[in-house]
Amino acid sequence: MRTLTLGMNVSLDGFVATTDDLGWMFPNFSPELMADTETLLSGFGTILMGRVDYEGQAATWPTREGPLADIMNGVEKVVFSTTLQHAGWQNSRVFAGEPSDDPNGVVVRTFRPRREG
């Protein structure tokens, strides 16, 4: 059985997102927090996301450089969407339906295992 980890950035006052990009959170990352984030994400075999999250991430990471960008661009990504037809960001694929539309676990069984490091 694989581990499913929920990752979410939330400020102390409950702020979660802007409507434009991910730039709100990174200026506030200390070197220690960035290192912890890189360590956590480098262990993921697959990242699951919805269309809106995918579109924001796909608009951000392909043009960035550095260890975190390398991780985000290199990891497998599965996008759950009934409207997105194609995922153009490298190592991304669309599951065109709801997770409950996968009764035999095809999506889950194809996840890459967590990388040991």
N, C-alpha and C. Protein backbone atom coordinates (compact mmCIF):
# COMPACT_ATOMS: atom_id res chain seq x y z
N MET A 1 0.84 -1.17 0.00
CA MET A 1 0.00 0.00 0.00
C MET A 1 0.89 1.24 0.00
N ARG A 2 0.52 2.22 -0.79
CA ARG A 2 1.29 3.45 -0.85
C ARG A 2 0.69 4.49 0.09
N THR A 3 1.52 5.45 0.44
CA THR A 3 1.11 6.53 1.32
C THR A 3 0.58 7.69 0.48
N LEU A 4 -0.53 8.25 0.88
CA LEU A 4 -1.07 9.45 0.26
C LEU A 4 -0.86 10.59 1.23
N THR A 5 -0.15 11.63 0.80
CA THR A 5 0.18 12.77 1.65
C THR A 5 -0.50 14.01 1.10
N LEU A 6 -1.20 14.74 1.96
CA LEU A 6 -1.79 16.01 1.57
C LEU A 6 -0.79 17.11 1.88
N GLY A 7 -0.45 17.88 0.88
CA GLY A 7 0.45 19.01 1.08
C GLY A 7 -0.28 20.29 0.74
N MET A 8 -0.19 21.26 1.63
CA MET A 8 -0.91 22.51 1.41
C MET A 8 -0.18 23.63 2.12
N ASN A 9 -0.02 24.75 1.45
CA ASN A 9 0.60 25.91 2.07
C ASN A 9 -0.49 26.84 2.58
N VAL A 10 -0.41 27.14 3.86
CA VAL A 10 -1.38 28.01 4.50
C VAL A 10 -0.61 28.95 5.42
N SER A 11 -0.90 30.24 5.35
CA SER A 11 -0.26 31.18 6.27
C SER A 11 -0.89 31.04 7.65
N LEU A 12 -0.25 31.63 8.65
CA LEU A 12 -0.77 31.54 10.02
C LEU A 12 -2.16 32.15 10.16
N ASP A 13 -2.49 33.10 9.29
CA ASP A 13 -3.82 33.70 9.38
C ASP A 13 -4.82 33.02 8.45
N GLY A 14 -4.47 31.87 7.89
CA GLY A 14 -5.40 31.09 7.10
C GLY A 14 -5.41 31.37 5.61
N PHE A 15 -4.50 32.21 5.13
CA PHE A 15 -4.45 32.53 3.70
C PHE A 15 -3.94 31.33 2.92
N VAL A 16 -4.62 30.99 1.82
CA VAL A 16 -4.28 29.80 1.05
C VAL A 16 -3.79 30.13 -0.36
N ALA A 17 -4.40 31.07 -1.05
CA ALA A 17 -4.06 31.27 -2.46
C ALA A 17 -4.43 32.66 -2.95
N THR A 18 -3.82 33.01 -4.07
CA THR A 18 -4.22 34.20 -4.81
C THR A 18 -4.84 33.72 -6.11
N THR A 19 -5.37 34.62 -6.87
CA THR A 19 -5.97 34.23 -8.14
C THR A 19 -4.98 34.25 -9.29
N ASP A 20 -3.74 34.71 -9.04
CA ASP A 20 -2.83 34.86 -10.17
C ASP A 20 -1.68 33.85 -10.21
N ASP A 21 -0.95 33.64 -9.13
CA ASP A 21 0.18 32.73 -9.19
C ASP A 21 0.57 32.26 -7.80
N LEU A 22 1.71 31.58 -7.72
CA LEU A 22 2.19 31.04 -6.45
C LEU A 22 3.18 31.96 -5.76
N GLY A 23 3.39 33.14 -6.33
CA GLY A 23 4.41 34.05 -5.82
C GLY A 23 4.20 34.54 -4.40
N TRP A 24 3.00 34.46 -3.87
CA TRP A 24 2.72 34.95 -2.53
C TRP A 24 3.46 34.18 -1.45
N MET A 25 3.75 32.91 -1.69
CA MET A 25 4.31 32.13 -0.59
C MET A 25 5.82 32.07 -0.56
N PHE A 26 6.49 32.07 -1.70
CA PHE A 26 7.93 31.84 -1.70
C PHE A 26 8.76 32.96 -1.11
N PRO A 27 8.38 34.22 -1.23
CA PRO A 27 9.19 35.26 -0.57
C PRO A 27 9.25 35.08 0.95
N ASN A 28 8.30 34.36 1.51
CA ASN A 28 8.24 34.16 2.95
C ASN A 28 8.90 32.86 3.40
N PHE A 29 9.44 32.09 2.47
CA PHE A 29 10.11 30.83 2.83
C PHE A 29 11.51 31.13 3.34
N SER A 30 11.82 30.64 4.52
CA SER A 30 13.18 30.74 5.04
C SER A 30 14.01 29.65 4.35
N PRO A 31 15.34 29.74 4.38
CA PRO A 31 16.16 28.67 3.81
C PRO A 31 15.85 27.30 4.42
N GLU A 32 15.54 27.28 5.71
CA GLU A 32 15.21 26.02 6.38
C GLU A 32 13.89 25.45 5.87
N LEU A 33 12.90 26.32 5.69
CA LEU A 33 11.60 25.85 5.19
C LEU A 33 11.73 25.37 3.75
N MET A 34 12.52 26.07 2.94
CA MET A 34 12.72 25.64 1.56
C MET A 34 13.41 24.28 1.52
N ALA A 35 14.42 24.08 2.36
CA ALA A 35 15.12 22.79 2.40
C ALA A 35 14.17 21.68 2.84
N ASP A 36 13.32 21.95 3.83
CA ASP A 36 12.35 20.95 4.28
C ASP A 36 11.34 20.63 3.17
N THR A 37 10.90 21.65 2.45
CA THR A 37 9.96 21.45 1.35
C THR A 37 10.59 20.61 0.25
N GLU A 38 11.83 20.91 -0.10
CA GLU A 38 12.52 20.13 -1.12
C GLU A 38 12.69 18.67 -0.69
N THR A 39 13.01 18.46 0.58
CA THR A 39 13.16 17.09 1.09
C THR A 39 11.84 16.35 1.02
N LEU A 40 10.77 16.98 1.45
CA LEU A 40 9.45 16.36 1.42
C LEU A 40 9.05 16.01 -0.01
N LEU A 41 9.12 16.99 -0.90
CA LEU A 41 8.66 16.77 -2.28
C LEU A 41 9.54 15.80 -3.05
N SER A 42 10.82 15.75 -2.73
CA SER A 42 11.71 14.84 -3.47
C SER A 42 11.39 13.38 -3.17
N GLY A 43 10.62 13.12 -2.10
CA GLY A 43 10.22 11.76 -1.79
C GLY A 43 8.94 11.32 -2.47
N PHE A 44 8.24 12.24 -3.13
CA PHE A 44 6.98 11.89 -3.77
C PHE A 44 7.23 11.18 -5.09
N GLY A 45 6.48 10.13 -5.35
CA GLY A 45 6.54 9.44 -6.64
C GLY A 45 5.57 10.04 -7.62
N THR A 46 4.43 10.53 -7.13
CA THR A 46 3.38 11.09 -7.97
C THR A 46 2.68 12.19 -7.18
N ILE A 47 2.32 13.27 -7.88
CA ILE A 47 1.54 14.34 -7.27
C ILE A 47 0.17 14.34 -7.94
N LEU A 48 -0.89 14.34 -7.13
CA LEU A 48 -2.26 14.40 -7.61
C LEU A 48 -2.75 15.83 -7.47
N MET A 49 -3.48 16.31 -8.47
CA MET A 49 -4.02 17.66 -8.37
C MET A 49 -5.26 17.78 -9.24
N GLY A 50 -6.04 18.79 -8.94
CA GLY A 50 -7.18 19.13 -9.77
C GLY A 50 -6.75 20.10 -10.86
N ARG A 51 -7.67 20.40 -11.77
CA ARG A 51 -7.35 21.24 -12.92
C ARG A 51 -6.86 22.63 -12.54
N VAL A 52 -7.55 23.30 -11.62
CA VAL A 52 -7.18 24.67 -11.28
C VAL A 52 -5.79 24.71 -10.65
N ASP A 53 -5.52 23.79 -9.73
CA ASP A 53 -4.19 23.71 -9.12
C ASP A 53 -3.15 23.41 -10.20
N TYR A 54 -3.44 22.45 -11.07
CA TYR A 54 -2.53 22.10 -12.16
C TYR A 54 -2.22 23.32 -13.02
N GLU A 55 -3.23 24.06 -13.43
CA GLU A 55 -3.00 25.20 -14.31
C GLU A 55 -2.10 26.24 -13.66
N GLY A 56 -2.27 26.48 -12.37
CA GLY A 56 -1.40 27.42 -11.66
C GLY A 56 0.02 26.90 -11.56
N GLN A 57 0.16 25.64 -11.21
CA GLN A 57 1.49 25.04 -11.09
C GLN A 57 2.19 24.97 -12.45
N ALA A 58 1.44 24.57 -13.49
CA ALA A 58 2.01 24.44 -14.83
C ALA A 58 2.42 25.79 -15.42
N ALA A 59 1.78 26.86 -14.95
CA ALA A 59 2.14 28.20 -15.41
C ALA A 59 3.37 28.73 -14.67
N THR A 60 3.74 28.09 -13.58
CA THR A 60 4.82 28.57 -12.73
C THR A 60 6.13 27.80 -12.93
N TRP A 61 6.10 26.49 -12.77
CA TRP A 61 7.34 25.71 -12.64
C TRP A 61 8.16 25.51 -13.91
N PRO A 62 7.57 25.38 -15.08
CA PRO A 62 8.42 25.14 -16.26
C PRO A 62 9.42 26.26 -16.56
N THR A 63 9.15 27.46 -16.09
CA THR A 63 10.07 28.57 -16.36
C THR A 63 11.00 28.87 -15.19
N ARG A 64 10.86 28.14 -14.11
CA ARG A 64 11.70 28.37 -12.93
C ARG A 64 12.93 27.48 -12.97
N GLU A 65 13.93 27.86 -12.20
CA GLU A 65 15.15 27.07 -12.09
C GLU A 65 15.44 26.82 -10.62
N GLY A 66 16.22 25.78 -10.36
CA GLY A 66 16.62 25.48 -9.00
C GLY A 66 16.11 24.11 -8.57
N PRO A 67 16.52 23.70 -7.37
CA PRO A 67 16.17 22.36 -6.90
C PRO A 67 14.67 22.11 -6.82
N LEU A 68 13.89 23.07 -6.33
CA LEU A 68 12.46 22.86 -6.20
C LEU A 68 11.80 22.77 -7.58
N ALA A 69 12.23 23.61 -8.51
CA ALA A 69 11.70 23.53 -9.87
C ALA A 69 12.06 22.20 -10.51
N ASP A 70 13.27 21.71 -10.28
CA ASP A 70 13.67 20.41 -10.83
C ASP A 70 12.77 19.30 -10.31
N ILE A 71 12.44 19.36 -9.03
CA ILE A 71 11.56 18.35 -8.43
C ILE A 71 10.17 18.45 -9.06
N MET A 72 9.60 19.64 -9.07
CA MET A 72 8.23 19.80 -9.56
C MET A 72 8.12 19.46 -11.05
N ASN A 73 9.12 19.80 -11.82
CA ASN A 73 9.07 19.48 -13.25
C ASN A 73 9.33 18.01 -13.52
N GLY A 74 10.08 17.35 -12.65
CA GLY A 74 10.46 15.96 -12.89
C GLY A 74 9.49 14.92 -12.38
N VAL A 75 8.72 15.24 -11.34
CA VAL A 75 7.84 14.25 -10.73
C VAL A 75 6.63 13.98 -11.63
N GLU A 76 6.11 12.75 -11.55
CA GLU A 76 4.88 12.42 -12.27
C GLU A 76 3.73 13.20 -11.63
N LYS A 77 2.82 13.71 -12.50
CA LYS A 77 1.66 14.46 -12.02
C LYS A 77 0.41 13.88 -12.68
N VAL A 78 -0.62 13.61 -11.88
CA VAL A 78 -1.90 13.16 -12.40
C VAL A 78 -2.92 14.25 -12.09
N VAL A 79 -3.59 14.72 -13.13
CA VAL A 79 -4.58 15.78 -13.00
C VAL A 79 -5.97 15.17 -13.13
N PHE A 80 -6.78 15.33 -12.10
CA PHE A 80 -8.16 14.87 -12.16
C PHE A 80 -9.01 16.00 -12.71
N SER A 81 -9.60 15.78 -13.88
CA SER A 81 -10.38 16.84 -14.51
C SER A 81 -11.37 16.25 -15.50
N THR A 82 -12.55 16.83 -15.52
CA THR A 82 -13.53 16.45 -16.54
C THR A 82 -13.52 17.43 -17.71
N THR A 83 -12.73 18.51 -17.60
CA THR A 83 -12.71 19.52 -18.66
C THR A 83 -11.36 19.66 -19.35
N LEU A 84 -10.27 19.37 -18.67
CA LEU A 84 -8.94 19.50 -19.27
C LEU A 84 -8.72 18.35 -20.24
N GLN A 85 -8.38 18.67 -21.47
CA GLN A 85 -8.19 17.64 -22.49
C GLN A 85 -6.76 17.14 -22.58
N HIS A 86 -5.80 18.01 -22.27
CA HIS A 86 -4.39 17.65 -22.44
C HIS A 86 -3.57 18.35 -21.36
N ALA A 87 -2.62 17.63 -20.81
CA ALA A 87 -1.70 18.21 -19.83
C ALA A 87 -0.34 18.38 -20.51
N GLY A 88 0.04 19.60 -20.79
CA GLY A 88 1.26 19.86 -21.53
C GLY A 88 2.52 19.95 -20.69
N TRP A 89 2.39 20.06 -19.39
CA TRP A 89 3.56 20.15 -18.50
C TRP A 89 4.21 18.78 -18.44
N GLN A 90 5.51 18.73 -18.53
CA GLN A 90 6.21 17.45 -18.59
C GLN A 90 5.82 16.52 -17.45
N ASN A 91 5.75 15.23 -17.75
CA ASN A 91 5.41 14.17 -16.79
C ASN A 91 4.02 14.33 -16.20
N SER A 92 3.11 14.95 -16.94
CA SER A 92 1.73 15.13 -16.47
C SER A 92 0.78 14.34 -17.36
N ARG A 93 -0.27 13.84 -16.75
CA ARG A 93 -1.33 13.19 -17.51
C ARG A 93 -2.66 13.50 -16.87
N VAL A 94 -3.70 13.45 -17.68
CA VAL A 94 -5.04 13.77 -17.22
C VAL A 94 -5.82 12.48 -16.97
N PHE A 95 -6.49 12.41 -15.84
CA PHE A 95 -7.49 11.38 -15.59
C PHE A 95 -8.82 12.07 -15.77
N ALA A 96 -9.49 11.81 -16.89
CA ALA A 96 -10.70 12.54 -17.27
C ALA A 96 -11.92 11.97 -16.58
N GLY A 97 -12.05 12.29 -15.33
CA GLY A 97 -13.21 11.82 -14.59
C GLY A 97 -13.02 12.08 -13.12
N GLU A 98 -13.90 11.52 -12.35
CA GLU A 98 -13.82 11.62 -10.91
C GLU A 98 -13.02 10.43 -10.38
N PRO A 99 -12.34 10.59 -9.24
CA PRO A 99 -11.61 9.43 -8.69
C PRO A 99 -12.50 8.21 -8.52
N SER A 100 -13.79 8.41 -8.23
CA SER A 100 -14.71 7.28 -8.08
C SER A 100 -15.01 6.59 -9.40
N ASP A 101 -14.62 7.21 -10.53
CA ASP A 101 -14.81 6.59 -11.85
C ASP A 101 -13.74 5.55 -12.14
N ASP A 102 -12.87 5.30 -11.20
CA ASP A 102 -11.75 4.37 -11.37
C ASP A 102 -11.91 3.19 -10.40
N PRO A 103 -13.00 2.41 -10.56
CA PRO A 103 -13.30 1.38 -9.56
C PRO A 103 -12.23 0.29 -9.45
N ASN A 104 -11.47 0.07 -10.49
CA ASN A 104 -10.43 -0.96 -10.44
C ASN A 104 -9.08 -0.41 -10.00
N GLY A 105 -9.03 0.86 -9.67
CA GLY A 105 -7.80 1.44 -9.15
C GLY A 105 -6.69 1.60 -10.18
N VAL A 106 -7.05 1.75 -11.45
CA VAL A 106 -6.02 1.86 -12.48
C VAL A 106 -5.10 3.04 -12.22
N VAL A 107 -5.68 4.19 -11.88
CA VAL A 107 -4.85 5.37 -11.62
C VAL A 107 -3.96 5.13 -10.42
N VAL A 108 -4.52 4.63 -9.35
CA VAL A 108 -3.74 4.42 -8.14
C VAL A 108 -2.66 3.36 -8.35
N ARG A 109 -2.96 2.30 -9.05
CA ARG A 109 -1.97 1.24 -9.26
C ARG A 109 -0.81 1.70 -10.11
N THR A 110 -0.99 2.73 -10.92
CA THR A 110 0.10 3.17 -11.79
C THR A 110 0.97 4.24 -11.17
N PHE A 111 0.65 4.68 -9.94
CA PHE A 111 1.51 5.66 -9.29
C PHE A 111 2.91 5.09 -9.13
N ARG A 112 3.88 5.93 -9.37
CA ARG A 112 5.25 5.51 -9.06
C ARG A 112 5.40 5.48 -7.55
N PRO A 113 6.13 4.50 -7.05
CA PRO A 113 6.33 4.44 -5.59
C PRO A 113 7.18 5.60 -5.11
N ARG A 114 7.04 5.87 -3.83
CA ARG A 114 7.82 6.90 -3.18
C ARG A 114 9.31 6.59 -3.36
N ARG A 115 10.06 7.61 -3.68
CA ARG A 115 11.52 7.43 -3.84
C ARG A 115 12.18 7.34 -2.49
N GLU A 116 13.01 6.36 -2.34
CA GLU A 116 13.78 6.24 -1.10
C GLU A 116 15.02 7.10 -1.21
N GLY A 117 15.39 7.76 -0.16
CA GLY A 117 16.55 8.62 -0.26
C GLY A 117 17.13 8.85 1.01
